[in-house]
Amino acid sequence: MYRFIFLMSIVLGFSGCTEKLEDKPDRPNFLFIAVDDLRNELGVYDNSQAITPHLDSLARSGSLFTHHFVQVPTCGASRHALITGMRPYKPIHLSNRAIEVEISGRPETDTPESFFHRFKQEGYRTIGIGKISHSADGLVYGYEEEPSAQRELPHSWSELLFDPGKWKTGWNAFFAYANGENRQSLKKQVKPYEAGETDDNGYPDGLTTQLAVERLKQLKDTDQPFFMAVGLFKPHLPFNAPKKYWDLYNRDSIEVSSNGDLPENIHLASLHESGEFNQYALGEEKAGLDRPVSEAYAKKLRHAYLAAVSYSDAQIGKLLSQLKASGLDKNTVVVVWGDHGWHLGDQRVWGKHTLFENALKSALIIKNPQMEKQAKRIDHIVETVDLYPTLLEMGGLSPRKKLDGTSLVPLLDSSGTDGPEVAYGYYKKGITMRTPEYRLTKYYRKAEPTVELYAHSKHDLENRNIAQEHPEIVAKLMPLLEEGNTGLYHTPQ
């Protein structure tokens, strides 16, 4: 019944439009693709081992951001910052329930709940497919509960679509294995990876892509501008993908982390014991801070992650091919955004949920066909909250509320930007700030040291805290870090 309702929404969504359009026939369409747990691991990035021909091609024809950082290194909170254009201001904004608590169930007002809502207010047909907010299908319910009818974003979507396939619910699909089971149904007695003997549609992201492709075919014949958002699950755990994507790689040649040891001069409270990863109880080894996993297992896990990335790349390739086949590519802005990074054994961590580079740095590509000339590679430091004003400016829309981000359009068209290069991140009772040369982190906790400083002039390893050695640098940078303190934390007494 659940699948039927969602598939019927495709048909019902075409039955008419009550939104009043302005006479702006040249307004661009938007295709926003959110990819879960996608760090800077695409073939086009330096030092990446990923095989991603479709995303590489998109990056070469658009703009690749090499230093994009999310606000919060966890899915729901990162997406709350994305869609609201706001940094976290209270503890719930660090939670996966941020959108559910702060947005879902509230009445519609002139102030938009998200930038999707803002586009809808201006006559765009907004279409959500897959995981855009935190929920796997956009509805509010627990991992092991029956789906509800309550939307996480009640006013953002003209159409909300999802096909859970044989997994029957969105959350089951999110943790899906090829045989129709999932992490919940198997009581976590599962491996954190799978090479499925199946085609692309044997996993949920293939079904999500299929829905989006079919919708794009129909949108080519409409005059109304659209904003389509597509959310792919992989490479989020479990690292499951059809075997053909595993076969792209030679495991023996896969390199493990060059930063697999604990950083010097820190408290272990800055890291974690890879609890999310260790929930997959049939993994060959448990990860922990006491010792790294074996090199053989690290290679296997990296192989699995890379296969999942290649699988997502193939799905994105189908979307881009359909855009071109429909002639929509000439007037559709395409954005690919990773909702945060992921430690692949870096600092002995397997997962996100830290204030280190590996958890905060993620993929970002923007292509705007209406720009005559785009900067190909943008090394400028940018933040996720910058996307809200960027999208509005490209769509010719004005904001209806204060935003924390700054439009990236001047970087895209190479006209330059003012102000310091800085990106703020929040988690684990701490605030971190990335500048071109340093990462400064301040923890509001009792465990010492509470200040960490990492040099980034030559590399991004973050393997030695130099705060005590360079108090003058800390003193110089701390006022800028405090500018990012939104009132979320106070020094413990």
Protein backbone atom coordinates (compact mmCIF):
# COMPACT_ATOMS: atom_id res chain seq x y z
CA MET A 1 0.00 0.00 0.00
CA TYR A 2 2.84 2.37 0.90
CA ARG A 3 4.52 1.91 -2.48
CA PHE A 4 1.21 2.36 -4.31
CA ILE A 5 0.53 5.68 -2.57
CA PHE A 6 3.89 7.09 -3.53
CA LEU A 7 3.75 5.91 -7.13
CA MET A 8 0.23 7.31 -7.48
CA SER A 9 1.57 10.67 -6.35
CA ILE A 10 3.51 10.80 -9.59
CA VAL A 11 0.30 10.65 -11.59
CA LEU A 12 -1.64 12.97 -9.31
CA GLY A 13 1.19 15.47 -9.42
CA PHE A 14 0.56 16.02 -13.13
CA SER A 15 -3.14 16.76 -12.79
CA GLY A 16 -2.74 20.50 -12.62
CA CYS A 17 -0.92 23.36 -11.01
CA THR A 18 -2.47 25.89 -8.70
CA GLU A 19 0.71 27.97 -8.42
CA LYS A 20 0.63 31.32 -10.20
CA LEU A 21 3.62 31.85 -12.47
CA GLU A 22 5.29 35.13 -13.22
CA ASP A 23 6.02 35.82 -16.85
CA LYS A 24 9.65 34.72 -16.77
CA PRO A 25 10.10 32.13 -19.52
CA ASP A 26 13.89 32.24 -19.21
CA ARG A 27 13.97 31.23 -15.56
CA PRO A 28 16.35 28.31 -15.07
CA ASN A 29 15.36 24.89 -13.86
CA PHE A 30 17.31 23.25 -11.04
CA LEU A 31 18.45 19.69 -10.43
CA PHE A 32 19.87 19.37 -6.92
CA ILE A 33 21.46 16.00 -6.11
CA ALA A 34 22.25 15.20 -2.46
CA VAL A 35 24.61 12.26 -1.91
CA ASP A 36 24.85 10.77 1.56
CA ASP A 37 28.32 10.55 3.17
CA LEU A 38 30.16 11.64 0.00
CA ARG A 39 33.51 13.06 1.02
CA ASN A 40 36.02 14.50 -1.50
CA GLU A 41 36.23 11.08 -3.10
CA LEU A 42 35.64 11.57 -6.82
CA GLY A 43 38.13 10.86 -9.57
CA VAL A 44 38.41 14.56 -10.34
CA TYR A 45 39.65 15.38 -6.83
CA ASP A 46 43.36 15.23 -6.03
CA ASN A 47 44.57 11.95 -4.51
CA SER A 48 41.21 10.19 -4.90
CA GLN A 49 40.99 6.55 -5.94
CA ALA A 50 37.34 6.75 -7.02
CA ILE A 51 36.20 5.84 -10.53
CA THR A 52 33.46 8.41 -11.25
CA PRO A 53 33.40 9.30 -14.96
CA HIS A 54 29.99 11.01 -14.92
CA LEU A 55 30.70 13.29 -11.98
CA ASP A 56 34.18 13.99 -13.33
CA SER A 57 32.64 15.10 -16.63
CA LEU A 58 30.10 17.31 -14.84
CA ALA A 59 32.87 18.90 -12.79
CA ARG A 60 34.93 19.64 -15.90
CA SER A 61 31.99 21.31 -17.60
CA GLY A 62 30.98 23.22 -14.46
CA SER A 63 32.77 24.22 -11.26
CA LEU A 64 34.48 21.86 -8.82
CA PHE A 65 34.79 23.13 -5.25
CA THR A 66 37.85 21.62 -3.59
CA HIS A 67 37.33 23.15 -0.13
CA HIS A 68 33.64 22.87 0.70
CA PHE A 69 32.79 22.25 4.36
CA VAL A 70 29.50 21.34 5.99
CA GLN A 71 28.21 22.96 9.19
CA VAL A 72 27.52 19.76 11.12
CA PRO A 73 29.05 16.30 10.45
CA THR A 74 25.83 14.32 10.75
CA CYS A 75 23.08 13.81 8.17
CA GLY A 76 19.97 15.50 9.56
CA ALA A 77 21.73 18.50 11.08
CA SER A 78 23.83 19.11 7.97
CA ARG A 79 20.69 19.09 5.85
CA HIS A 80 18.94 21.46 8.26
CA ALA A 81 21.77 23.95 7.76
CA LEU A 82 21.60 23.41 3.99
CA ILE A 83 17.89 24.01 3.50
CA THR A 84 17.57 26.87 6.00
CA GLY A 85 20.83 28.64 5.15
CA MET A 86 21.51 28.92 8.89
CA ARG A 87 24.26 27.71 11.17
CA PRO A 88 23.19 25.82 14.31
CA TYR A 89 21.87 28.12 17.03
CA LYS A 90 20.61 25.61 19.59
CA PRO A 91 21.33 21.98 20.53
CA ILE A 92 18.54 20.48 18.42
CA HIS A 93 20.28 21.90 15.35
CA LEU A 94 23.06 19.34 15.94
CA SER A 95 20.62 16.44 15.89
CA ASN A 96 19.33 14.22 13.12
CA ARG A 97 15.87 15.30 14.32
CA ALA A 98 16.53 18.99 13.61
CA ILE A 99 14.17 19.23 10.62
CA GLU A 100 11.47 17.12 12.27
CA VAL A 101 11.48 19.23 15.45
CA GLU A 102 12.06 22.66 13.94
CA ILE A 103 10.03 22.50 10.71
CA SER A 104 7.65 19.54 10.45
CA GLY A 105 4.07 20.15 11.61
CA ARG A 106 4.26 23.93 11.50
CA PRO A 107 1.77 26.07 9.54
CA GLU A 108 2.84 27.76 6.34
CA THR A 109 3.91 31.40 6.54
CA ASP A 110 5.51 33.90 4.17
CA THR A 111 8.88 32.96 5.65
CA PRO A 112 9.95 29.84 3.76
CA GLU A 113 10.83 26.66 5.64
CA SER A 114 13.53 25.84 3.07
CA PHE A 115 14.93 27.15 -0.19
CA PHE A 116 12.74 24.59 -1.94
CA HIS A 117 9.75 26.32 -0.37
CA ARG A 118 11.10 29.69 -1.51
CA PHE A 119 11.22 28.49 -5.12
CA LYS A 120 7.72 27.05 -4.77
CA GLN A 121 6.48 30.45 -3.56
CA GLU A 122 7.73 31.93 -6.83
CA GLY A 123 5.89 29.47 -9.04
CA TYR A 124 8.41 26.67 -9.40
CA ARG A 125 7.21 23.08 -9.40
CA THR A 126 9.26 21.51 -6.63
CA ILE A 127 9.84 17.76 -6.74
CA GLY A 128 11.51 15.78 -3.97
CA ILE A 129 12.69 12.23 -4.72
CA GLY A 130 14.63 10.19 -2.16
CA LYS A 131 16.55 11.47 0.84
CA ILE A 132 16.60 15.26 0.75
CA SER A 133 15.80 16.13 4.35
CA HIS A 134 16.87 13.62 6.99
CA SER A 135 14.17 11.01 6.46
CA ALA A 136 14.86 8.46 3.74
CA ASP A 137 11.56 9.26 2.02
CA GLY A 138 10.67 12.67 3.48
CA LEU A 139 8.17 11.33 6.04
CA VAL A 140 8.42 11.41 9.83
CA TYR A 141 8.64 7.98 11.49
CA GLY A 142 11.17 5.81 13.28
CA TYR A 143 13.53 3.27 11.71
CA GLU A 144 11.33 0.30 12.70
CA GLU A 145 7.92 2.01 12.53
CA GLU A 146 5.29 2.04 9.83
CA PRO A 147 5.47 5.16 7.63
CA SER A 148 3.35 8.12 8.64
CA ALA A 149 1.72 10.70 6.40
CA GLN A 150 3.57 13.56 8.11
CA ARG A 151 6.12 15.28 5.89
CA GLU A 152 9.40 16.53 7.31
CA LEU A 153 9.04 19.52 4.99
CA PRO A 154 5.28 20.13 4.91
CA HIS A 155 5.27 23.10 2.52
CA SER A 156 8.31 22.57 0.30
CA TRP A 157 7.15 20.02 -2.26
CA SER A 158 4.67 20.13 -5.10
CA GLU A 159 5.44 16.42 -5.40
CA LEU A 160 7.11 14.07 -2.93
CA LEU A 161 8.02 10.76 -4.56
CA PHE A 162 9.71 7.56 -3.45
CA ASP A 163 9.69 3.91 -4.46
CA PRO A 164 10.79 1.63 -1.57
CA GLY A 165 10.60 -1.44 -3.78
CA LYS A 166 10.75 -4.81 -2.06
CA TRP A 167 11.94 -3.16 1.16
CA LYS A 168 8.45 -1.63 1.62
CA THR A 169 9.43 1.43 3.70
CA GLY A 170 11.89 4.26 3.27
CA TRP A 171 14.01 3.38 6.29
CA ASN A 172 14.14 -0.28 5.32
CA ALA A 173 15.32 0.82 1.89
CA PHE A 174 17.95 3.08 3.43
CA PHE A 175 19.64 0.09 5.11
CA ALA A 176 18.83 -2.31 2.27
CA TYR A 177 20.49 -5.54 1.23
CA ALA A 178 19.92 -7.04 -2.20
CA ASN A 179 17.79 -9.94 -0.93
CA GLY A 180 15.07 -7.59 0.34
CA GLU A 181 16.22 -7.62 3.95
CA ASN A 182 17.64 -4.65 5.85
CA ARG A 183 19.68 -3.85 8.92
CA GLN A 184 16.60 -3.65 11.12
CA SER A 185 14.96 -6.87 9.94
CA LEU A 186 18.19 -8.78 10.48
CA LYS A 187 18.71 -7.29 13.97
CA LYS A 188 22.04 -5.77 12.92
CA GLN A 189 23.46 -9.23 12.22
CA VAL A 190 24.83 -7.98 8.93
CA LYS A 191 28.11 -7.00 7.31
CA PRO A 192 28.87 -3.32 6.68
CA TYR A 193 29.23 -4.03 2.95
CA GLU A 194 27.78 -6.16 0.15
CA ALA A 195 28.69 -6.90 -3.46
CA GLY A 196 25.21 -7.67 -4.76
CA GLU A 197 24.61 -10.05 -7.63
CA THR A 198 22.07 -7.65 -9.10
CA ASP A 199 21.59 -4.79 -11.52
CA ASP A 200 21.30 -1.12 -10.53
CA ASN A 201 17.63 -1.44 -9.63
CA GLY A 202 18.45 -4.22 -7.18
CA TYR A 203 19.22 -1.46 -4.68
CA PRO A 204 16.98 1.54 -3.79
CA ASP A 205 19.10 4.24 -5.42
CA GLY A 206 18.40 2.61 -8.78
CA LEU A 207 14.67 2.93 -8.13
CA THR A 208 15.06 6.55 -7.04
CA THR A 209 16.98 7.31 -10.23
CA GLN A 210 14.35 5.55 -12.32
CA LEU A 211 11.62 7.75 -10.80
CA ALA A 212 13.65 10.88 -11.45
CA VAL A 213 14.44 9.93 -15.05
CA GLU A 214 10.77 9.28 -15.81
CA ARG A 215 9.79 12.58 -14.25
CA LEU A 216 12.40 14.46 -16.29
CA LYS A 217 11.00 12.94 -19.47
CA GLN A 218 7.62 14.47 -18.65
CA LEU A 219 8.97 17.82 -17.51
CA LYS A 220 10.44 18.57 -20.92
CA ASP A 221 6.93 19.25 -22.24
CA THR A 222 5.91 21.74 -19.53
CA ASP A 223 6.37 25.49 -19.45
CA GLN A 224 6.54 25.74 -15.68
CA PRO A 225 10.09 25.93 -14.28
CA PHE A 226 11.01 23.12 -11.92
CA PHE A 227 13.27 22.51 -8.98
CA MET A 228 13.93 18.79 -8.68
CA ALA A 229 15.87 17.44 -5.71
CA VAL A 230 17.13 13.85 -5.81
CA GLY A 231 18.67 12.21 -2.75
CA LEU A 232 20.89 9.13 -3.13
CA PHE A 233 21.69 6.88 -0.17
CA LYS A 234 25.09 5.57 -1.19
CA PRO A 235 27.86 5.63 -0.11
CA HIS A 236 26.20 5.71 3.34
CA LEU A 237 26.58 2.52 5.37
CA PRO A 238 26.11 -0.28 4.58
CA PHE A 239 28.53 0.02 1.67
CA ASN A 240 26.33 -2.03 -0.66
CA ALA A 241 26.49 -1.87 -4.43
CA PRO A 242 26.06 -4.18 -7.43
CA LYS A 243 29.10 -6.37 -7.92
CA LYS A 244 29.96 -4.75 -11.26
CA TYR A 245 31.00 -1.60 -9.39
CA TRP A 246 33.24 -3.61 -7.08
CA ASP A 247 34.81 -5.13 -10.18
CA LEU A 248 35.99 -1.71 -11.33
CA TYR A 249 38.70 -1.82 -8.66
CA ASN A 250 41.76 -3.94 -7.95
CA ARG A 251 41.76 -4.22 -4.16
CA ASP A 252 45.49 -4.88 -4.00
CA SER A 253 46.15 -1.44 -5.48
CA ILE A 254 43.79 0.41 -3.14
CA GLU A 255 45.72 2.61 -0.72
CA VAL A 256 44.75 2.83 2.94
CA SER A 257 44.76 6.07 4.90
CA SER A 258 48.06 7.90 5.18
CA ASN A 259 46.75 9.34 8.44
CA GLY A 260 45.67 6.21 10.30
CA ASP A 261 47.17 7.02 13.70
CA LEU A 262 45.78 9.10 16.55
CA PRO A 263 46.66 12.79 16.33
CA GLU A 264 49.29 13.98 18.77
CA ASN A 265 48.44 16.30 21.66
CA ILE A 266 44.68 15.79 21.76
CA HIS A 267 42.14 14.26 24.13
CA LEU A 268 40.38 11.20 22.78
CA ALA A 269 37.08 12.96 23.45
CA SER A 270 37.70 14.77 20.15
CA LEU A 271 37.30 11.45 18.32
CA HIS A 272 34.93 8.49 18.76
CA GLU A 273 34.86 4.70 18.78
CA SER A 274 33.14 4.24 15.39
CA GLY A 275 29.86 3.26 17.02
CA GLU A 276 27.72 3.60 13.89
CA PHE A 277 30.10 1.41 11.91
CA ASN A 278 30.32 -1.20 14.67
CA GLN A 279 26.53 -1.64 14.66
CA TYR A 280 27.05 -3.93 11.68
CA ALA A 281 27.72 -6.92 13.88
CA LEU A 282 29.05 -9.35 11.28
CA GLY A 283 31.95 -7.17 10.22
CA GLU A 284 35.24 -9.05 10.37
CA GLU A 285 36.82 -6.57 12.78
CA LYS A 286 35.62 -3.93 15.22
CA ALA A 287 37.01 -0.44 14.85
CA GLY A 288 38.29 1.45 17.89
CA LEU A 289 40.76 4.05 19.05
CA ASP A 290 42.91 1.51 20.86
CA ARG A 291 44.28 0.09 17.61
CA PRO A 292 43.67 0.39 13.85
CA VAL A 293 41.92 -2.33 11.89
CA SER A 294 44.19 -4.56 9.84
CA GLU A 295 45.46 -3.30 6.51
CA ALA A 296 43.60 -6.09 4.69
CA TYR A 297 40.29 -5.11 6.28
CA ALA A 298 40.94 -1.41 5.72
CA LYS A 299 41.46 -2.18 2.02
CA LYS A 300 38.24 -4.18 1.90
CA LEU A 301 36.25 -1.37 3.52
CA ARG A 302 37.73 1.27 1.25
CA HIS A 303 36.98 -0.99 -1.70
CA ALA A 304 33.37 -1.20 -0.53
CA TYR A 305 33.08 2.58 -0.09
CA LEU A 306 34.56 3.22 -3.53
CA ALA A 307 32.19 0.73 -5.15
CA ALA A 308 29.25 2.51 -3.52
CA VAL A 309 30.56 5.86 -4.80
CA SER A 310 30.86 4.45 -8.33
CA TYR A 311 27.30 3.12 -8.08
CA SER A 312 26.02 6.59 -7.17
CA ASP A 313 28.07 8.08 -9.98
CA ALA A 314 26.34 5.76 -12.45
CA GLN A 315 22.90 6.84 -11.20
CA ILE A 316 23.84 10.50 -11.55
CA GLY A 317 25.05 9.73 -15.05
CA LYS A 318 21.56 8.51 -15.94
CA LEU A 319 20.03 11.76 -14.67
CA LEU A 320 22.50 13.87 -16.64
CA SER A 321 21.91 11.79 -19.78
CA GLN A 322 18.17 12.31 -19.50
CA LEU A 323 18.63 16.05 -19.01
CA LYS A 324 20.57 16.15 -22.25
CA ALA A 325 18.18 13.85 -24.13
CA SER A 326 15.26 16.05 -23.11
CA GLY A 327 17.05 19.25 -24.07
CA LEU A 328 16.71 20.43 -20.47
CA ASP A 329 20.46 20.62 -19.93
CA LYS A 330 20.60 23.99 -21.71
CA ASN A 331 18.51 25.65 -18.99
CA THR A 332 18.99 23.53 -15.88
CA VAL A 333 21.39 24.35 -13.07
CA VAL A 334 22.90 21.15 -11.67
CA VAL A 335 24.26 20.92 -8.13
CA VAL A 336 25.84 17.82 -6.58
CA TRP A 337 26.36 18.07 -2.83
CA GLY A 338 27.77 15.62 -0.29
CA ASP A 339 26.07 16.06 3.07
CA HIS A 340 29.36 15.59 4.96
CA GLY A 341 32.63 13.70 4.85
CA TRP A 342 33.64 10.36 6.34
CA HIS A 343 36.73 9.01 8.08
CA LEU A 344 37.91 5.93 6.18
CA GLY A 345 40.23 4.84 8.97
CA ASP A 346 41.69 8.34 9.21
CA GLN A 347 42.69 9.05 12.83
CA ARG A 348 41.51 5.43 13.50
CA VAL A 349 37.91 6.45 12.95
CA TRP A 350 35.40 4.83 10.59
CA GLY A 351 32.54 7.28 10.33
CA LYS A 352 31.63 10.97 10.52
CA HIS A 353 30.75 12.81 13.77
CA THR A 354 34.03 14.65 14.43
CA LEU A 355 35.30 18.20 13.90
CA PHE A 356 38.21 17.01 11.79
CA GLU A 357 38.72 17.69 8.09
CA ASN A 358 37.68 14.19 7.03
CA ALA A 359 34.20 14.52 8.55
CA LEU A 360 33.49 18.11 7.47
CA LYS A 361 34.88 18.29 3.94
CA SER A 362 32.56 17.03 1.23
CA ALA A 363 32.01 17.04 -2.51
CA LEU A 364 30.43 20.02 -4.25
CA ILE A 365 29.92 20.61 -7.97
CA ILE A 366 27.83 23.37 -9.56
CA LYS A 367 27.06 23.78 -13.25
CA ASN A 368 25.03 26.74 -14.49
CA PRO A 369 24.52 26.63 -18.26
CA GLN A 370 23.37 30.26 -18.25
CA MET A 371 26.87 31.39 -17.26
CA GLU A 372 28.99 31.98 -20.32
CA LYS A 373 32.18 31.15 -18.48
CA GLN A 374 32.50 29.31 -15.16
CA ALA A 375 35.58 28.90 -13.03
CA LYS A 376 36.58 25.26 -13.42
CA ARG A 377 38.29 24.67 -10.10
CA ILE A 378 37.48 26.74 -7.04
CA ASP A 379 39.91 26.36 -4.15
CA HIS A 380 38.27 29.12 -2.11
CA ILE A 381 36.90 27.92 1.24
CA VAL A 382 33.11 27.75 1.20
CA GLU A 383 30.35 26.43 3.50
CA THR A 384 27.10 24.55 3.01
CA VAL A 385 25.10 27.59 4.19
CA ASP A 386 26.40 29.41 1.11
CA LEU A 387 24.23 27.27 -1.16
CA TYR A 388 20.90 28.86 -0.15
CA PRO A 389 21.80 32.39 -1.30
CA THR A 390 23.65 30.98 -4.31
CA LEU A 391 20.59 29.12 -5.61
CA LEU A 392 18.33 32.10 -5.01
CA GLU A 393 20.65 34.43 -6.92
CA MET A 394 20.91 32.03 -9.86
CA GLY A 395 17.11 31.81 -9.90
CA GLY A 396 16.65 35.57 -9.68
CA LEU A 397 14.94 35.27 -6.29
CA SER A 398 15.38 37.36 -3.16
CA PRO A 399 15.53 35.89 0.36
CA ARG A 400 12.69 36.46 2.80
CA LYS A 401 14.81 36.05 5.90
CA LYS A 402 18.33 36.61 7.16
CA LEU A 403 20.81 34.02 5.91
CA ASP A 404 24.19 33.08 7.34
CA GLY A 405 25.74 32.14 4.02
CA THR A 406 27.16 34.19 1.16
CA SER A 407 26.37 33.63 -2.51
CA LEU A 408 28.97 31.69 -4.45
CA VAL A 409 28.04 33.31 -7.77
CA PRO A 410 31.06 35.68 -7.70
CA LEU A 411 33.31 32.64 -7.38
CA LEU A 412 31.48 30.80 -10.14
CA ASP A 413 31.83 33.67 -12.63
CA SER A 414 35.32 34.63 -11.38
CA SER A 415 34.26 38.14 -10.39
CA GLY A 416 35.76 37.63 -6.92
CA THR A 417 34.45 37.79 -3.38
CA ASP A 418 35.13 39.93 -0.33
CA GLY A 419 35.68 38.93 3.29
CA PRO A 420 37.80 36.29 4.97
CA GLU A 421 37.90 32.69 3.76
CA VAL A 422 36.40 30.77 6.65
CA ALA A 423 34.11 27.80 7.23
CA TYR A 424 32.57 26.97 10.61
CA GLY A 425 31.65 23.53 11.92
CA TYR A 426 29.83 22.44 15.09
CA TYR A 427 29.70 19.14 17.01
CA LYS A 428 30.92 17.33 20.14
CA LYS A 429 30.53 20.45 22.29
CA GLY A 430 32.89 22.29 20.02
CA ILE A 431 33.28 24.84 17.25
CA THR A 432 35.86 24.53 14.50
CA MET A 433 36.99 27.07 11.96
CA ARG A 434 38.83 26.37 8.73
CA THR A 435 40.92 29.05 7.04
CA PRO A 436 43.28 28.57 4.09
CA GLU A 437 46.21 27.91 6.41
CA TYR A 438 44.73 26.51 9.63
CA ARG A 439 41.96 24.66 11.38
CA LEU A 440 41.27 26.02 14.87
CA THR A 441 38.91 24.08 17.12
CA LYS A 442 37.62 25.05 20.54
CA TYR A 443 35.79 22.55 22.76
CA TYR A 444 33.47 23.68 25.53
CA ARG A 445 34.25 20.73 27.79
CA LYS A 446 36.36 19.92 30.83
CA ALA A 447 38.65 17.38 29.13
CA GLU A 448 41.94 19.02 28.19
CA PRO A 449 43.22 20.22 25.83
CA THR A 450 40.19 22.20 24.74
CA VAL A 451 41.94 24.03 21.91
CA GLU A 452 43.36 22.34 18.83
CA LEU A 453 45.27 23.95 15.98
CA TYR A 454 46.26 22.20 12.76
CA ALA A 455 48.43 23.60 9.98
CA HIS A 456 47.07 23.29 6.44
CA SER A 457 49.70 25.08 4.41
CA LYS A 458 51.21 21.83 3.07
CA HIS A 459 48.76 19.00 3.78
CA ASP A 460 45.38 18.16 5.30
CA LEU A 461 46.37 15.31 7.60
CA GLU A 462 45.56 16.99 10.94
CA ASN A 463 47.83 14.58 12.76
CA ARG A 464 49.43 16.97 15.25
CA ASN A 465 47.79 19.61 17.42
CA ILE A 466 50.19 22.57 17.49
CA ALA A 467 48.10 24.92 19.66
CA GLN A 468 50.48 24.86 22.63
CA GLU A 469 53.48 25.41 20.37
CA HIS A 470 51.93 28.44 18.65
CA PRO A 471 49.85 30.44 21.13
CA GLU A 472 50.34 33.56 19.01
CA ILE A 473 48.48 31.94 16.09
CA VAL A 474 45.70 30.79 18.40
CA ALA A 475 45.39 34.30 19.84
CA LYS A 476 45.20 35.81 16.35
CA LEU A 477 42.57 33.36 15.08
CA MET A 478 40.39 33.02 18.18
CA PRO A 479 38.39 36.26 17.66
CA LEU A 480 37.41 35.04 14.18
CA LEU A 481 36.36 31.68 15.62
CA GLU A 482 34.27 33.42 18.25
CA GLU A 483 32.43 35.24 15.46
CA GLY A 484 31.05 31.85 14.55
CA ASN A 485 29.81 31.17 18.08
CA THR A 486 26.07 31.42 17.56
CA GLY A 487 25.35 31.08 21.28
CA LEU A 488 25.27 27.31 21.03
CA TYR A 489 27.99 26.75 23.61
CA HIS A 490 29.28 28.24 26.82
CA THR A 491 32.47 27.44 28.68
CA PRO A 492 31.70 24.78 31.33
CA GLN A 493 31.94 25.94 34.93
